[in-house]
Amino acid sequence: KWKIDAASTAPVIASGGVGTLDHLVEGIRDGHAGAVLAASIFHFGTYSIAEAKSHMARAGLPMRLDSSGDRL
């Protein structure tokens, strides 16, 4: 597999195709992204930002769990 993060000095943010909270974790762990981006799962009320952050933290990913900056 080709790794974009290894080929770039810029931070890599994975975006698109998130349908479950596990997809966010996979973007970091399997995709080696420095961050992940999601929209529809929040806009349509599938999950809250707090649920996403908690899920990622439980998966062992570093996460700021306070709500500062969390707007929707």
PDB file of N, CA and C in Angstrom:
ATOM      1  N   LYS A   1       0.833  -1.193   0.000  1.00  0.00           N
ATOM      2  CA  LYS A   1       0.000   0.000   0.000  1.00  0.00           C
ATOM      3  C   LYS A   1       0.868   1.243   0.000  1.00  0.00           C
ATOM      4  N   TRP A   2       0.381   2.243  -0.680  1.00  0.00           N
ATOM      5  CA  TRP A   2       1.076   3.516  -0.711  1.00  0.00           C
ATOM      6  C   TRP A   2       0.586   4.354   0.445  1.00  0.00           C
ATOM      7  N   LYS A   3       1.485   4.948   1.220  1.00  0.00           N
ATOM      8  CA  LYS A   3       1.114   5.751   2.375  1.00  0.00           C
ATOM      9  C   LYS A   3       1.312   7.226   2.074  1.00  0.00           C
ATOM     10  N   ILE A   4       0.228   7.954   2.041  1.00  0.00           N
ATOM     11  CA  ILE A   4       0.302   9.388   1.779  1.00  0.00           C
ATOM     12  C   ILE A   4       1.056  10.089   2.894  1.00  0.00           C
ATOM     13  N   ASP A   5       0.833   9.667   4.141  1.00  0.00           N
ATOM     14  CA  ASP A   5       1.499  10.333   5.259  1.00  0.00           C
ATOM     15  C   ASP A   5       3.018  10.242   5.148  1.00  0.00           C
ATOM     16  N   ALA A   6       3.528   9.170   4.585  1.00  0.00           N
ATOM     17  CA  ALA A   6       4.972   9.012   4.425  1.00  0.00           C
ATOM     18  C   ALA A   6       5.504   9.860   3.275  1.00  0.00           C
ATOM     19  N   ALA A   7       4.643  10.218   2.340  1.00  0.00           N
ATOM     20  CA  ALA A   7       5.062  10.968   1.162  1.00  0.00           C
ATOM     21  C   ALA A   7       4.871  12.474   1.322  1.00  0.00           C
ATOM     22  N   SER A   8       4.298  12.901   2.438  1.00  0.00           N
ATOM     23  CA  SER A   8       3.964  14.308   2.612  1.00  0.00           C
ATOM     24  C   SER A   8       4.523  14.845   3.919  1.00  0.00           C
ATOM     25  N   THR A   9       4.941  16.098   3.884  1.00  0.00           N
ATOM     26  CA  THR A   9       5.352  16.755   5.122  1.00  0.00           C
ATOM     27  C   THR A   9       4.177  17.497   5.752  1.00  0.00           C
ATOM     28  N   ALA A  10       3.085  17.618   5.014  1.00  0.00           N
ATOM     29  CA  ALA A  10       1.885  18.282   5.534  1.00  0.00           C
ATOM     30  C   ALA A  10       1.057  17.288   6.341  1.00  0.00           C
ATOM     31  N   PRO A  11       0.336  17.770   7.348  1.00  0.00           N
ATOM     32  CA  PRO A  11      -0.549  16.868   8.091  1.00  0.00           C
ATOM     33  C   PRO A  11      -1.601  16.258   7.163  1.00  0.00           C
ATOM     34  N   VAL A  12      -1.899  14.987   7.356  1.00  0.00           N
ATOM     35  CA  VAL A  12      -2.896  14.297   6.536  1.00  0.00           C
ATOM     36  C   VAL A  12      -4.185  14.169   7.338  1.00  0.00           C
ATOM     37  N   ILE A  13      -5.286  14.652   6.751  1.00  0.00           N
ATOM     38  CA  ILE A  13      -6.603  14.558   7.370  1.00  0.00           C
ATOM     39  C   ILE A  13      -7.471  13.692   6.476  1.00  0.00           C
ATOM     40  N   ALA A  14      -7.939  12.565   7.016  1.00  0.00           N
ATOM     41  CA  ALA A  14      -8.805  11.657   6.256  1.00  0.00           C
ATOM     42  C   ALA A  14     -10.227  12.206   6.284  1.00  0.00           C
ATOM     43  N   SER A  15     -10.866  12.256   5.125  1.00  0.00           N
ATOM     44  CA  SER A  15     -12.205  12.826   5.022  1.00  0.00           C
ATOM     45  C   SER A  15     -13.061  12.016   4.070  1.00  0.00           C
ATOM     46  N   GLY A  16     -14.305  11.774   4.477  1.00  0.00           N
ATOM     47  CA  GLY A  16     -15.270  11.147   3.583  1.00  0.00           C
ATOM     48  C   GLY A  16     -15.501   9.683   3.862  1.00  0.00           C
ATOM     49  N   GLY A  17     -16.741   9.280   3.731  1.00  0.00           N
ATOM     50  CA  GLY A  17     -17.096   7.876   3.842  1.00  0.00           C
ATOM     51  C   GLY A  17     -17.324   7.366   5.248  1.00  0.00           C
ATOM     52  N   VAL A  18     -17.359   8.257   6.228  1.00  0.00           N
ATOM     53  CA  VAL A  18     -17.563   7.823   7.612  1.00  0.00           C
ATOM     54  C   VAL A  18     -19.039   7.514   7.833  1.00  0.00           C
ATOM     55  N   GLY A  19     -19.313   6.270   8.181  1.00  0.00           N
ATOM     56  CA  GLY A  19     -20.685   5.870   8.473  1.00  0.00           C
ATOM     57  C   GLY A  19     -20.842   5.330   9.882  1.00  0.00           C
ATOM     58  N   THR A  20     -19.705   4.942  10.485  1.00  0.00           N
ATOM     59  CA  THR A  20     -19.721   4.422  11.855  1.00  0.00           C
ATOM     60  C   THR A  20     -18.571   5.057  12.633  1.00  0.00           C
ATOM     61  N   LEU A  21     -18.643   4.953  13.938  1.00  0.00           N
ATOM     62  CA  LEU A  21     -17.566   5.485  14.766  1.00  0.00           C
ATOM     63  C   LEU A  21     -16.272   4.707  14.564  1.00  0.00           C
ATOM     64  N   ASP A  22     -16.377   3.438  14.230  1.00  0.00           N
ATOM     65  CA  ASP A  22     -15.173   2.644  13.946  1.00  0.00           C
ATOM     66  C   ASP A  22     -14.426   3.173  12.731  1.00  0.00           C
ATOM     67  N   HIS A  23     -15.126   3.758  11.774  1.00  0.00           N
ATOM     68  CA  HIS A  23     -14.455   4.323  10.600  1.00  0.00           C
ATOM     69  C   HIS A  23     -13.508   5.453  11.008  1.00  0.00           C
ATOM     70  N   LEU A  24     -13.877   6.216  12.031  1.00  0.00           N
ATOM     71  CA  LEU A  24     -12.989   7.279  12.512  1.00  0.00           C
ATOM     72  C   LEU A  24     -11.697   6.682  13.065  1.00  0.00           C
ATOM     73  N   VAL A  25     -11.831   5.648  13.859  1.00  0.00           N
ATOM     74  CA  VAL A  25     -10.665   4.967  14.437  1.00  0.00           C
ATOM     75  C   VAL A  25      -9.807   4.369  13.322  1.00  0.00           C
ATOM     76  N   GLU A  26     -10.435   3.731  12.356  1.00  0.00           N
ATOM     77  CA  GLU A  26      -9.705   3.103  11.249  1.00  0.00           C
ATOM     78  C   GLU A  26      -8.933   4.132  10.430  1.00  0.00           C
ATOM     79  N   GLY A  27      -9.484   5.330  10.278  1.00  0.00           N
ATOM     80  CA  GLY A  27      -8.783   6.376   9.534  1.00  0.00           C
ATOM     81  C   GLY A  27      -7.449   6.734  10.161  1.00  0.00           C
ATOM     82  N   ILE A  28      -7.413   6.705  11.485  1.00  0.00           N
ATOM     83  CA  ILE A  28      -6.165   6.998  12.198  1.00  0.00           C
ATOM     84  C   ILE A  28      -5.259   5.771  12.234  1.00  0.00           C
ATOM     85  N   ARG A  29      -5.798   4.663  12.693  1.00  0.00           N
ATOM     86  CA  ARG A  29      -4.975   3.455  12.886  1.00  0.00           C
ATOM     87  C   ARG A  29      -4.545   2.819  11.570  1.00  0.00           C
ATOM     88  N   ASP A  30      -5.493   2.531  10.709  1.00  0.00           N
ATOM     89  CA  ASP A  30      -5.190   1.812   9.465  1.00  0.00           C
ATOM     90  C   ASP A  30      -4.734   2.750   8.354  1.00  0.00           C
ATOM     91  N   GLY A  31      -5.323   3.929   8.311  1.00  0.00           N
ATOM     92  CA  GLY A  31      -4.998   4.881   7.250  1.00  0.00           C
ATOM     93  C   GLY A  31      -3.829   5.782   7.571  1.00  0.00           C
ATOM     94  N   HIS A  32      -3.367   5.747   8.821  1.00  0.00           N
ATOM     95  CA  HIS A  32      -2.215   6.541   9.256  1.00  0.00           C
ATOM     96  C   HIS A  32      -2.431   8.038   9.092  1.00  0.00           C
ATOM     97  N   ALA A  33      -3.678   8.484   9.131  1.00  0.00           N
ATOM     98  CA  ALA A  33      -3.963   9.915   9.061  1.00  0.00           C
ATOM     99  C   ALA A  33      -3.647  10.550  10.408  1.00  0.00           C
ATOM    100  N   GLY A  34      -3.319  11.822  10.370  1.00  0.00           N
ATOM    101  CA  GLY A  34      -3.073  12.552  11.606  1.00  0.00           C
ATOM    102  C   GLY A  34      -4.353  13.016  12.264  1.00  0.00           C
ATOM    103  N   ALA A  35      -5.421  13.074  11.476  1.00  0.00           N
ATOM    104  CA  ALA A  35      -6.735  13.485  11.974  1.00  0.00           C
ATOM    105  C   ALA A  35      -7.796  12.943  11.026  1.00  0.00           C
ATOM    106  N   VAL A  36      -9.028  12.934  11.499  1.00  0.00           N
ATOM    107  CA  VAL A  36     -10.145  12.506  10.658  1.00  0.00           C
ATOM    108  C   VAL A  36     -11.217  13.591  10.667  1.00  0.00           C
ATOM    109  N   LEU A  37     -12.008  13.584   9.615  1.00  0.00           N
ATOM    110  CA  LEU A  37     -13.053  14.583   9.427  1.00  0.00           C
ATOM    111  C   LEU A  37     -14.336  13.864   9.068  1.00  0.00           C
ATOM    112  N   ALA A  38     -15.424  14.274   9.686  1.00  0.00           N
ATOM    113  CA  ALA A  38     -16.730  13.681   9.382  1.00  0.00           C
ATOM    114  C   ALA A  38     -17.769  14.789   9.410  1.00  0.00           C
ATOM    115  N   ALA A  39     -18.837  14.615   8.659  1.00  0.00           N
ATOM    116  CA  ALA A  39     -19.892  15.624   8.651  1.00  0.00           C
ATOM    117  C   ALA A  39     -21.274  14.998   8.756  1.00  0.00           C
ATOM    118  N   SER A  40     -21.624  14.158   7.809  1.00  0.00           N
ATOM    119  CA  SER A  40     -22.993  13.635   7.729  1.00  0.00           C
ATOM    120  C   SER A  40     -23.433  12.902   8.985  1.00  0.00           C
ATOM    121  N   ILE A  41     -22.533  12.132   9.612  1.00  0.00           N
ATOM    122  CA  ILE A  41     -22.951  11.395  10.810  1.00  0.00           C
ATOM    123  C   ILE A  41     -23.329  12.345  11.943  1.00  0.00           C
ATOM    124  N   PHE A  42     -22.824  13.575  11.903  1.00  0.00           N
ATOM    125  CA  PHE A  42     -23.194  14.574  12.907  1.00  0.00           C
ATOM    126  C   PHE A  42     -24.410  15.382  12.456  1.00  0.00           C
ATOM    127  N   HIS A  43     -24.413  15.814  11.205  1.00  0.00           N
ATOM    128  CA  HIS A  43     -25.519  16.642  10.704  1.00  0.00           C
ATOM    129  C   HIS A  43     -26.856  15.927  10.760  1.00  0.00           C
ATOM    130  N   PHE A  44     -26.849  14.638  10.474  1.00  0.00           N
ATOM    131  CA  PHE A  44     -28.105  13.886  10.458  1.00  0.00           C
ATOM    132  C   PHE A  44     -28.412  13.236  11.801  1.00  0.00           C
ATOM    133  N   GLY A  45     -27.601  13.529  12.819  1.00  0.00           N
ATOM    134  CA  GLY A  45     -27.879  13.068  14.171  1.00  0.00           C
ATOM    135  C   GLY A  45     -27.583  11.608  14.440  1.00  0.00           C
ATOM    136  N   THR A  46     -26.826  10.970  13.553  1.00  0.00           N
ATOM    137  CA  THR A  46     -26.479   9.561  13.762  1.00  0.00           C
ATOM    138  C   THR A  46     -25.658   9.403  15.038  1.00  0.00           C
ATOM    139  N   TYR A  47     -24.693  10.285  15.214  1.00  0.00           N
ATOM    140  CA  TYR A  47     -23.845  10.304  16.407  1.00  0.00           C
ATOM    141  C   TYR A  47     -23.598  11.753  16.798  1.00  0.00           C
ATOM    142  N   SER A  48     -23.249  11.954  18.052  1.00  0.00           N
ATOM    143  CA  SER A  48     -22.851  13.289  18.501  1.00  0.00           C
ATOM    144  C   SER A  48     -21.323  13.379  18.475  1.00  0.00           C
ATOM    145  N   ILE A  49     -20.821  14.588  18.525  1.00  0.00           N
ATOM    146  CA  ILE A  49     -19.374  14.781  18.575  1.00  0.00           C
ATOM    147  C   ILE A  49     -18.816  14.146  19.850  1.00  0.00           C
ATOM    148  N   ALA A  50     -19.540  14.289  20.957  1.00  0.00           N
ATOM    149  CA  ALA A  50     -19.093  13.688  22.223  1.00  0.00           C
ATOM    150  C   ALA A  50     -19.001  12.166  22.109  1.00  0.00           C
ATOM    151  N   GLU A  51     -19.970  11.543  21.448  1.00  0.00           N
ATOM    152  CA  GLU A  51     -19.922  10.085  21.254  1.00  0.00           C
ATOM    153  C   GLU A  51     -18.706   9.691  20.425  1.00  0.00           C
ATOM    154  N   ALA A  52     -18.428  10.465  19.379  1.00  0.00           N
ATOM    155  CA  ALA A  52     -17.285  10.161  18.515  1.00  0.00           C
ATOM    156  C   ALA A  52     -15.975  10.286  19.287  1.00  0.00           C
ATOM    157  N   LYS A  53     -15.833  11.367  20.049  1.00  0.00           N
ATOM    158  CA  LYS A  53     -14.609  11.565  20.822  1.00  0.00           C
ATOM    159  C   LYS A  53     -14.427  10.464  21.863  1.00  0.00           C
ATOM    160  N   SER A  54     -15.499  10.112  22.548  1.00  0.00           N
ATOM    161  CA  SER A  54     -15.421   9.054  23.561  1.00  0.00           C
ATOM    162  C   SER A  54     -15.033   7.719  22.940  1.00  0.00           C
ATOM    163  N   HIS A  55     -15.610   7.413  21.786  1.00  0.00           N
ATOM    164  CA  HIS A  55     -15.298   6.156  21.099  1.00  0.00           C
ATOM    165  C   HIS A  55     -13.824   6.106  20.708  1.00  0.00           C
ATOM    166  N   MET A  56     -13.317   7.211  20.183  1.00  0.00           N
ATOM    167  CA  MET A  56     -11.917   7.250  19.777  1.00  0.00           C
ATOM    168  C   MET A  56     -10.987   7.159  20.986  1.00  0.00           C
ATOM    169  N   ALA A  57     -11.362   7.801  22.081  1.00  0.00           N
ATOM    170  CA  ALA A  57     -10.550   7.722  23.300  1.00  0.00           C
ATOM    171  C   ALA A  57     -10.535   6.297  23.845  1.00  0.00           C
ATOM    172  N   ARG A  58     -11.695   5.629  23.843  1.00  0.00           N
ATOM    173  CA  ARG A  58     -11.751   4.239  24.313  1.00  0.00           C
ATOM    174  C   ARG A  58     -10.907   3.320  23.435  1.00  0.00           C
ATOM    175  N   ALA A  59     -10.727   3.696  22.167  1.00  0.00           N
ATOM    176  CA  ALA A  59      -9.898   2.906  21.248  1.00  0.00           C
ATOM    177  C   ALA A  59      -8.410   3.197  21.445  1.00  0.00           C
ATOM    178  N   GLY A  60      -8.099   4.077  22.398  1.00  0.00           N
ATOM    179  CA  GLY A  60      -6.705   4.362  22.705  1.00  0.00           C
ATOM    180  C   GLY A  60      -6.100   5.512  21.932  1.00  0.00           C
ATOM    181  N   LEU A  61      -6.920   6.270  21.218  1.00  0.00           N
ATOM    182  CA  LEU A  61      -6.407   7.404  20.459  1.00  0.00           C
ATOM    183  C   LEU A  61      -6.396   8.651  21.339  1.00  0.00           C
ATOM    184  N   PRO A  62      -5.361   9.481  21.235  1.00  0.00           N
ATOM    185  CA  PRO A  62      -5.328  10.707  22.035  1.00  0.00           C
ATOM    186  C   PRO A  62      -6.485  11.613  21.623  1.00  0.00           C
ATOM    187  N   MET A  63      -7.196  12.126  22.601  1.00  0.00           N
ATOM    188  CA  MET A  63      -8.408  12.876  22.298  1.00  0.00           C
ATOM    189  C   MET A  63      -8.653  13.913  23.380  1.00  0.00           C
ATOM    190  N   ARG A  64      -8.974  15.138  22.969  1.00  0.00           N
ATOM    191  CA  ARG A  64      -9.409  16.164  23.915  1.00  0.00           C
ATOM    192  C   ARG A  64     -10.891  15.925  24.156  1.00  0.00           C
ATOM    193  N   LEU A  65     -11.266  15.602  25.390  1.00  0.00           N
ATOM    194  CA  LEU A  65     -12.649  15.234  25.675  1.00  0.00           C
ATOM    195  C   LEU A  65     -13.497  16.393  26.172  1.00  0.00           C
ATOM    196  N   ASP A  66     -12.884  17.551  26.447  1.00  0.00           N
ATOM    197  CA  ASP A  66     -13.718  18.674  26.861  1.00  0.00           C
ATOM    198  C   ASP A  66     -14.515  19.169  25.665  1.00  0.00           C
ATOM    199  N   SER A  67     -15.491  19.986  25.908  1.00  0.00           N
ATOM    200  CA  SER A  67     -16.389  20.395  24.821  1.00  0.00           C
ATOM    201  C   SER A  67     -16.003  21.717  24.191  1.00  0.00           C
ATOM    202  N   SER A  68     -14.892  22.329  24.580  1.00  0.00           N
ATOM    203  CA  SER A  68     -14.511  23.604  23.988  1.00  0.00           C
ATOM    204  C   SER A  68     -14.234  23.418  22.501  1.00  0.00           C
ATOM    205  N   GLY A  69     -14.871  24.216  21.708  1.00  0.00           N
ATOM    206  CA  GLY A  69     -14.689  24.138  20.266  1.00  0.00           C
ATOM    207  C   GLY A  69     -15.606  23.168  19.560  1.00  0.00           C
ATOM    208  N   ASP A  70     -16.397  22.401  20.304  1.00  0.00           N
ATOM    209  CA  ASP A  70     -17.325  21.453  19.676  1.00  0.00           C
ATOM    210  C   ASP A  70     -18.630  22.171  19.370  1.00  0.00           C
ATOM    211  N   ARG A  71     -18.825  22.491  18.131  1.00  0.00           N
ATOM    212  CA  ARG A  71     -20.046  23.186  17.727  1.00  0.00           C
ATOM    213  C   ARG A  71     -20.686  22.441  16.582  1.00  0.00           C
ATOM    214  N   LEU A  72     -21.980  22.497  16.555  1.00  0.00           N
ATOM    215  CA  LEU A  72     -22.703  21.919  15.423  1.00  0.00           C
ATOM    216  C   LEU A  72     -24.071  22.519  15.347  1.00  0.00           C
TER     217      LEU A  72
END
